[in-house]
Amino acid sequence: MKHLVWSNEHGCWWGPLSSGYVRIIARAGRYSPEAAKRICDDANSYLPEGQEPNEVAVLAPECMGEAFHG
């Protein structure tokens, strides 16, 4: 299943191959769960505990059916 990365800091989605930000979800990069987690962990590693994360991984919309139907 592919994931997108939302940037609370920039108010946009991460682009493909971690190349900038896009506002249109269809143009957002698709990442493996491991890659999305790594991006978020790296971006949020310096934040104080309890602070809203800068980057958040979410399931890609085209994978929503897979999540519910296996």
PDB file of N, CA and C in Angstrom:
ATOM      1  N   MET A   1       0.844  -1.191   0.000  1.00  0.00           N
ATOM      2  CA  MET A   1       0.000   0.000   0.000  1.00  0.00           C
ATOM      3  C   MET A   1       0.882   1.245   0.000  1.00  0.00           C
ATOM      4  N   LYS A   2       0.483   2.220  -0.729  1.00  0.00           N
ATOM      5  CA  LYS A   2       1.252   3.456  -0.838  1.00  0.00           C
ATOM      6  C   LYS A   2       0.707   4.515   0.115  1.00  0.00           C
ATOM      7  N   HIS A   3       1.603   5.394   0.544  1.00  0.00           N
ATOM      8  CA  HIS A   3       1.259   6.480   1.448  1.00  0.00           C
ATOM      9  C   HIS A   3       1.659   7.821   0.846  1.00  0.00           C
ATOM     10  N   LEU A   4       0.986   8.853   1.301  1.00  0.00           N
ATOM     11  CA  LEU A   4       1.338  10.236   0.995  1.00  0.00           C
ATOM     12  C   LEU A   4       1.910  10.838   2.270  1.00  0.00           C
ATOM     13  N   VAL A   5       2.633  11.928   2.122  1.00  0.00           N
ATOM     14  CA  VAL A   5       3.140  12.643   3.296  1.00  0.00           C
ATOM     15  C   VAL A   5       2.604  14.070   3.240  1.00  0.00           C
ATOM     16  N   TRP A   6       1.837  14.426   4.274  1.00  0.00           N
ATOM     17  CA  TRP A   6       1.294  15.782   4.399  1.00  0.00           C
ATOM     18  C   TRP A   6       2.230  16.607   5.266  1.00  0.00           C
ATOM     19  N   SER A   7       2.530  17.812   4.835  1.00  0.00           N
ATOM     20  CA  SER A   7       3.376  18.712   5.607  1.00  0.00           C
ATOM     21  C   SER A   7       2.507  19.768   6.284  1.00  0.00           C
ATOM     22  N   ASN A   8       2.348  19.635   7.595  1.00  0.00           N
ATOM     23  CA  ASN A   8       1.654  20.681   8.359  1.00  0.00           C
ATOM     24  C   ASN A   8       2.439  21.979   8.297  1.00  0.00           C
ATOM     25  N   GLU A   9       3.741  21.858   8.243  1.00  0.00           N
ATOM     26  CA  GLU A   9       4.622  23.025   8.210  1.00  0.00           C
ATOM     27  C   GLU A   9       4.401  23.858   6.943  1.00  0.00           C
ATOM     28  N   HIS A  10       4.215  23.201   5.804  1.00  0.00           N
ATOM     29  CA  HIS A  10       4.088  23.898   4.519  1.00  0.00           C
ATOM     30  C   HIS A  10       2.660  23.938   3.980  1.00  0.00           C
ATOM     31  N   GLY A  11       1.755  23.167   4.581  1.00  0.00           N
ATOM     32  CA  GLY A  11       0.375  23.143   4.109  1.00  0.00           C
ATOM     33  C   GLY A  11       0.229  22.529   2.735  1.00  0.00           C
ATOM     34  N   CYS A  12       1.079  21.543   2.420  1.00  0.00           N
ATOM     35  CA  CYS A  12       1.086  20.894   1.109  1.00  0.00           C
ATOM     36  C   CYS A  12       1.474  19.428   1.283  1.00  0.00           C
ATOM     37  N   TRP A  13       1.327  18.686   0.191  1.00  0.00           N
ATOM     38  CA  TRP A  13       1.782  17.304   0.125  1.00  0.00           C
ATOM     39  C   TRP A  13       3.235  17.265  -0.340  1.00  0.00           C
ATOM     40  N   TRP A  14       3.964  16.242   0.083  1.00  0.00           N
ATOM     41  CA  TRP A  14       5.301  16.024  -0.450  1.00  0.00           C
ATOM     42  C   TRP A  14       5.163  15.599  -1.897  1.00  0.00           C
ATOM     43  N   GLY A  15       6.049  16.102  -2.753  1.00  0.00           N
ATOM     44  CA  GLY A  15       6.044  15.720  -4.158  1.00  0.00           C
ATOM     45  C   GLY A  15       6.698  14.368  -4.376  1.00  0.00           C
ATOM     46  N   PRO A  16       6.633  13.867  -5.602  1.00  0.00           N
ATOM     47  CA  PRO A  16       7.280  12.597  -5.927  1.00  0.00           C
ATOM     48  C   PRO A  16       8.792  12.669  -5.665  1.00  0.00           C
ATOM     49  N   LEU A  17       9.328  11.564  -5.201  1.00  0.00           N
ATOM     50  CA  LEU A  17      10.772  11.441  -4.943  1.00  0.00           C
ATOM     51  C   LEU A  17      11.281  12.514  -3.986  1.00  0.00           C
ATOM     52  N   SER A  18      10.440  12.927  -3.050  1.00  0.00           N
ATOM     53  CA  SER A  18      10.805  13.943  -2.041  1.00  0.00           C
ATOM     54  C   SER A  18      11.272  15.242  -2.687  1.00  0.00           C
ATOM     55  N   SER A  19      10.693  15.578  -3.824  1.00  0.00           N
ATOM     56  CA  SER A  19      11.138  16.762  -4.564  1.00  0.00           C
ATOM     57  C   SER A  19      10.120  17.893  -4.455  1.00  0.00           C
ATOM     58  N   GLY A  20      10.174  18.605  -3.374  1.00  0.00           N
ATOM     59  CA  GLY A  20       9.304  19.762  -3.206  1.00  0.00           C
ATOM     60  C   GLY A  20       7.918  19.392  -2.717  1.00  0.00           C
ATOM     61  N   TYR A  21       7.013  20.354  -2.830  1.00  0.00           N
ATOM     62  CA  TYR A  21       5.662  20.217  -2.298  1.00  0.00           C
ATOM     63  C   TYR A  21       4.650  20.522  -3.394  1.00  0.00           C
ATOM     64  N   VAL A  22       3.486  19.882  -3.283  1.00  0.00           N
ATOM     65  CA  VAL A  22       2.402  20.108  -4.239  1.00  0.00           C
ATOM     66  C   VAL A  22       1.104  20.295  -3.477  1.00  0.00           C
ATOM     67  N   ARG A  23       0.207  21.072  -4.042  1.00  0.00           N
ATOM     68  CA  ARG A  23      -1.089  21.301  -3.404  1.00  0.00           C
ATOM     69  C   ARG A  23      -2.163  20.326  -3.872  1.00  0.00           C
ATOM     70  N   ILE A  24      -1.970  19.748  -5.044  1.00  0.00           N
ATOM     71  CA  ILE A  24      -2.969  18.854  -5.623  1.00  0.00           C
ATOM     72  C   ILE A  24      -2.614  17.412  -5.254  1.00  0.00           C
ATOM     73  N   ILE A  25      -3.535  16.737  -4.584  1.00  0.00           N
ATOM     74  CA  ILE A  25      -3.265  15.392  -4.063  1.00  0.00           C
ATOM     75  C   ILE A  25      -2.888  14.410  -5.171  1.00  0.00           C
ATOM     76  N   ALA A  26      -3.457  14.569  -6.348  1.00  0.00           N
ATOM     77  CA  ALA A  26      -3.135  13.667  -7.465  1.00  0.00           C
ATOM     78  C   ALA A  26      -1.673  13.789  -7.896  1.00  0.00           C
ATOM     79  N   ARG A  27      -1.042  14.912  -7.595  1.00  0.00           N
ATOM     80  CA  ARG A  27       0.364  15.131  -7.963  1.00  0.00           C
ATOM     81  C   ARG A  27       1.334  14.776  -6.835  1.00  0.00           C
ATOM     82  N   ALA A  28       0.793  14.380  -5.684  1.00  0.00           N
ATOM     83  CA  ALA A  28       1.633  14.049  -4.530  1.00  0.00           C
ATOM     84  C   ALA A  28       2.427  12.775  -4.790  1.00  0.00           C
ATOM     85  N   GLY A  29       3.575  12.680  -4.142  1.00  0.00           N
ATOM     86  CA  GLY A  29       4.387  11.479  -4.247  1.00  0.00           C
ATOM     87  C   GLY A  29       3.738  10.317  -3.522  1.00  0.00           C
ATOM     88  N   ARG A  30       3.960   9.139  -4.031  1.00  0.00           N
ATOM     89  CA  ARG A  30       3.494   7.903  -3.399  1.00  0.00           C
ATOM     90  C   ARG A  30       4.714   7.208  -2.816  1.00  0.00           C
ATOM     91  N   TYR A  31       4.621   6.833  -1.548  1.00  0.00           N
ATOM     92  CA  TYR A  31       5.753   6.261  -0.829  1.00  0.00           C
ATOM     93  C   TYR A  31       5.363   4.948  -0.179  1.00  0.00           C
ATOM     94  N   SER A  32       6.324   4.054  -0.048  1.00  0.00           N
ATOM     95  CA  SER A  32       6.080   2.826   0.709  1.00  0.00           C
ATOM     96  C   SER A  32       5.835   3.231   2.169  1.00  0.00           C
ATOM     97  N   PRO A  33       5.190   2.364   2.944  1.00  0.00           N
ATOM     98  CA  PRO A  33       4.988   2.690   4.362  1.00  0.00           C
ATOM     99  C   PRO A  33       6.309   2.990   5.072  1.00  0.00           C
ATOM    100  N   GLU A  34       7.336   2.243   4.736  1.00  0.00           N
ATOM    101  CA  GLU A  34       8.643   2.443   5.384  1.00  0.00           C
ATOM    102  C   GLU A  34       9.251   3.788   5.008  1.00  0.00           C
ATOM    103  N   ALA A  35       9.159   4.157   3.740  1.00  0.00           N
ATOM    104  CA  ALA A  35       9.712   5.439   3.296  1.00  0.00           C
ATOM    105  C   ALA A  35       8.946   6.598   3.909  1.00  0.00           C
ATOM    106  N   ALA A  36       7.624   6.499   3.956  1.00  0.00           N
ATOM    107  CA  ALA A  36       6.811   7.560   4.556  1.00  0.00           C
ATOM    108  C   ALA A  36       7.135   7.719   6.038  1.00  0.00           C
ATOM    109  N   LYS A  37       7.297   6.600   6.735  1.00  0.00           N
ATOM    110  CA  LYS A  37       7.645   6.668   8.161  1.00  0.00           C
ATOM    111  C   LYS A  37       9.009   7.313   8.356  1.00  0.00           C
ATOM    112  N   ARG A  38       9.960   6.952   7.512  1.00  0.00           N
ATOM    113  CA  ARG A  38      11.310   7.519   7.611  1.00  0.00           C
ATOM    114  C   ARG A  38      11.288   9.030   7.379  1.00  0.00           C
ATOM    115  N   ILE A  39      10.539   9.481   6.370  1.00  0.00           N
ATOM    116  CA  ILE A  39      10.410  10.914   6.096  1.00  0.00           C
ATOM    117  C   ILE A  39       9.854  11.631   7.321  1.00  0.00           C
ATOM    118  N   CYS A  40       8.771  11.083   7.873  1.00  0.00           N
ATOM    119  CA  CYS A  40       8.124  11.721   9.026  1.00  0.00           C
ATOM    120  C   CYS A  40       9.015  11.688  10.258  1.00  0.00           C
ATOM    121  N   ASP A  41       9.634  10.545  10.514  1.00  0.00           N
ATOM    122  CA  ASP A  41      10.521  10.445  11.678  1.00  0.00           C
ATOM    123  C   ASP A  41      11.660  11.454  11.585  1.00  0.00           C
ATOM    124  N   ASP A  42      12.264  11.572  10.413  1.00  0.00           N
ATOM    125  CA  ASP A  42      13.368  12.526  10.233  1.00  0.00           C
ATOM    126  C   ASP A  42      12.894  13.964  10.424  1.00  0.00           C
ATOM    127  N   ALA A  43      11.757  14.298   9.824  1.00  0.00           N
ATOM    128  CA  ALA A  43      11.251  15.672   9.884  1.00  0.00           C
ATOM    129  C   ALA A  43      10.778  16.061  11.282  1.00  0.00           C
ATOM    130  N   ASN A  44      10.323  15.086  12.040  1.00  0.00           N
ATOM    131  CA  ASN A  44       9.751  15.389  13.360  1.00  0.00           C
ATOM    132  C   ASN A  44      10.702  15.101  14.513  1.00  0.00           C
ATOM    133  N   SER A  45      11.903  14.636  14.222  1.00  0.00           N
ATOM    134  CA  SER A  45      12.821  14.174  15.269  1.00  0.00           C
ATOM    135  C   SER A  45      13.252  15.273  16.234  1.00  0.00           C
ATOM    136  N   TYR A  46      13.271  16.506  15.805  1.00  0.00           N
ATOM    137  CA  TYR A  46      13.765  17.590  16.658  1.00  0.00           C
ATOM    138  C   TYR A  46      12.657  18.310  17.427  1.00  0.00           C
ATOM    139  N   LEU A  47      11.402  17.949  17.193  1.00  0.00           N
ATOM    140  CA  LEU A  47      10.289  18.649  17.833  1.00  0.00           C
ATOM    141  C   LEU A  47      10.186  18.295  19.313  1.00  0.00           C
ATOM    142  N   PRO A  48       9.793  19.239  20.137  1.00  0.00           N
ATOM    143  CA  PRO A  48       9.564  18.935  21.547  1.00  0.00           C
ATOM    144  C   PRO A  48       8.405  17.941  21.689  1.00  0.00           C
ATOM    145  N   GLU A  49       8.478  17.112  22.696  1.00  0.00           N
ATOM    146  CA  GLU A  49       7.423  16.125  22.934  1.00  0.00           C
ATOM    147  C   GLU A  49       6.067  16.813  23.096  1.00  0.00           C
ATOM    148  N   GLY A  50       5.060  16.250  22.456  1.00  0.00           N
ATOM    149  CA  GLY A  50       3.713  16.788  22.554  1.00  0.00           C
ATOM    150  C   GLY A  50       3.362  17.822  21.499  1.00  0.00           C
ATOM    151  N   GLN A  51       4.352  18.304  20.756  1.00  0.00           N
ATOM    152  CA  GLN A  51       4.080  19.294  19.706  1.00  0.00           C
ATOM    153  C   GLN A  51       3.507  18.592  18.484  1.00  0.00           C
ATOM    154  N   GLU A  52       2.580  19.247  17.795  1.00  0.00           N
ATOM    155  CA  GLU A  52       2.007  18.702  16.570  1.00  0.00           C
ATOM    156  C   GLU A  52       3.124  18.423  15.575  1.00  0.00           C
ATOM    157  N   PRO A  53       3.090  17.246  14.927  1.00  0.00           N
ATOM    158  CA  PRO A  53       4.171  16.922  13.978  1.00  0.00           C
ATOM    159  C   PRO A  53       4.142  17.804  12.742  1.00  0.00           C
ATOM    160  N   ASN A  54       5.322  18.045  12.186  1.00  0.00           N
ATOM    161  CA  ASN A  54       5.426  18.797  10.939  1.00  0.00           C
ATOM    162  C   ASN A  54       4.953  17.966   9.757  1.00  0.00           C
ATOM    163  N   GLU A  55       5.280  16.683   9.750  1.00  0.00           N
ATOM    164  CA  GLU A  55       4.968  15.803   8.631  1.00  0.00           C
ATOM    165  C   GLU A  55       4.160  14.608   9.140  1.00  0.00           C
ATOM    166  N   VAL A  56       3.153  14.214   8.356  1.00  0.00           N
ATOM    167  CA  VAL A  56       2.268  13.115   8.742  1.00  0.00           C
ATOM    168  C   VAL A  56       2.045  12.210   7.531  1.00  0.00           C
ATOM    169  N   ALA A  57       2.206  10.898   7.717  1.00  0.00           N
ATOM    170  CA  ALA A  57       1.949   9.939   6.642  1.00  0.00           C
ATOM    171  C   ALA A  57       0.481   9.535   6.671  1.00  0.00           C
ATOM    172  N   VAL A  58      -0.124   9.465   5.478  1.00  0.00           N
ATOM    173  CA  VAL A  58      -1.511   9.019   5.357  1.00  0.00           C
ATOM    174  C   VAL A  58      -1.601   8.027   4.198  1.00  0.00           C
ATOM    175  N   LEU A  59      -2.551   7.128   4.292  1.00  0.00           N
ATOM    176  CA  LEU A  59      -2.767   6.159   3.240  1.00  0.00           C
ATOM    177  C   LEU A  59      -3.217   6.870   1.971  1.00  0.00           C
ATOM    178  N   ALA A  60      -2.644   6.494   0.842  1.00  0.00           N
ATOM    179  CA  ALA A  60      -3.038   7.098  -0.438  1.00  0.00           C
ATOM    180  C   ALA A  60      -4.501   6.776  -0.718  1.00  0.00           C
ATOM    181  N   PRO A  61      -5.257   7.731  -1.253  1.00  0.00           N
ATOM    182  CA  PRO A  61      -6.689   7.519  -1.465  1.00  0.00           C
ATOM    183  C   PRO A  61      -7.003   6.298  -2.321  1.00  0.00           C
ATOM    184  N   GLU A  62      -6.165   6.010  -3.309  1.00  0.00           N
ATOM    185  CA  GLU A  62      -6.431   4.861  -4.168  1.00  0.00           C
ATOM    186  C   GLU A  62      -6.215   3.528  -3.456  1.00  0.00           C
ATOM    187  N   CYS A  63      -5.644   3.561  -2.243  1.00  0.00           N
ATOM    188  CA  CYS A  63      -5.415   2.338  -1.454  1.00  0.00           C
ATOM    189  C   CYS A  63      -6.456   2.154  -0.356  1.00  0.00           C
ATOM    190  N   MET A  64      -7.382   3.064  -0.240  1.00  0.00           N
ATOM    191  CA  MET A  64      -8.380   2.989   0.833  1.00  0.00           C
ATOM    192  C   MET A  64      -9.173   1.679   0.779  1.00  0.00           C
ATOM    193  N   GLY A  65      -9.592   1.246  -0.380  1.00  0.00           N
ATOM    194  CA  GLY A  65     -10.328  -0.003  -0.506  1.00  0.00           C
ATOM    195  C   GLY A  65      -9.520  -1.195  -0.044  1.00  0.00           C
ATOM    196  N   GLU A  66      -8.213  -1.196  -0.345  1.00  0.00           N
ATOM    197  CA  GLU A  66      -7.327  -2.275   0.079  1.00  0.00           C
ATOM    198  C   GLU A  66      -7.275  -2.371   1.598  1.00  0.00           C
ATOM    199  N   ALA A  67      -7.278  -1.232   2.265  1.00  0.00           N
ATOM    200  CA  ALA A  67      -7.167  -1.200   3.718  1.00  0.00           C
ATOM    201  C   ALA A  67      -8.376  -1.872   4.379  1.00  0.00           C
ATOM    202  N   PHE A  68      -9.538  -1.760   3.748  1.00  0.00           N
ATOM    203  CA  PHE A  68     -10.755  -2.301   4.340  1.00  0.00           C
ATOM    204  C   PHE A  68     -11.098  -3.694   3.833  1.00  0.00           C
ATOM    205  N   HIS A  69     -10.568  -4.059   2.672  1.00  0.00           N
ATOM    206  CA  HIS A  69     -10.932  -5.341   2.076  1.00  0.00           C
ATOM    207  C   HIS A  69      -9.780  -6.333   2.024  1.00  0.00           C
ATOM    208  N   GLY A  70      -8.618  -5.913   2.558  1.00  0.00           N
ATOM    209  CA  GLY A  70      -7.469  -6.807   2.613  1.00  0.00           C
ATOM    210  C   GLY A  70      -6.853  -6.965   1.308  1.00  0.00           C
TER     211      GLY A  70
END
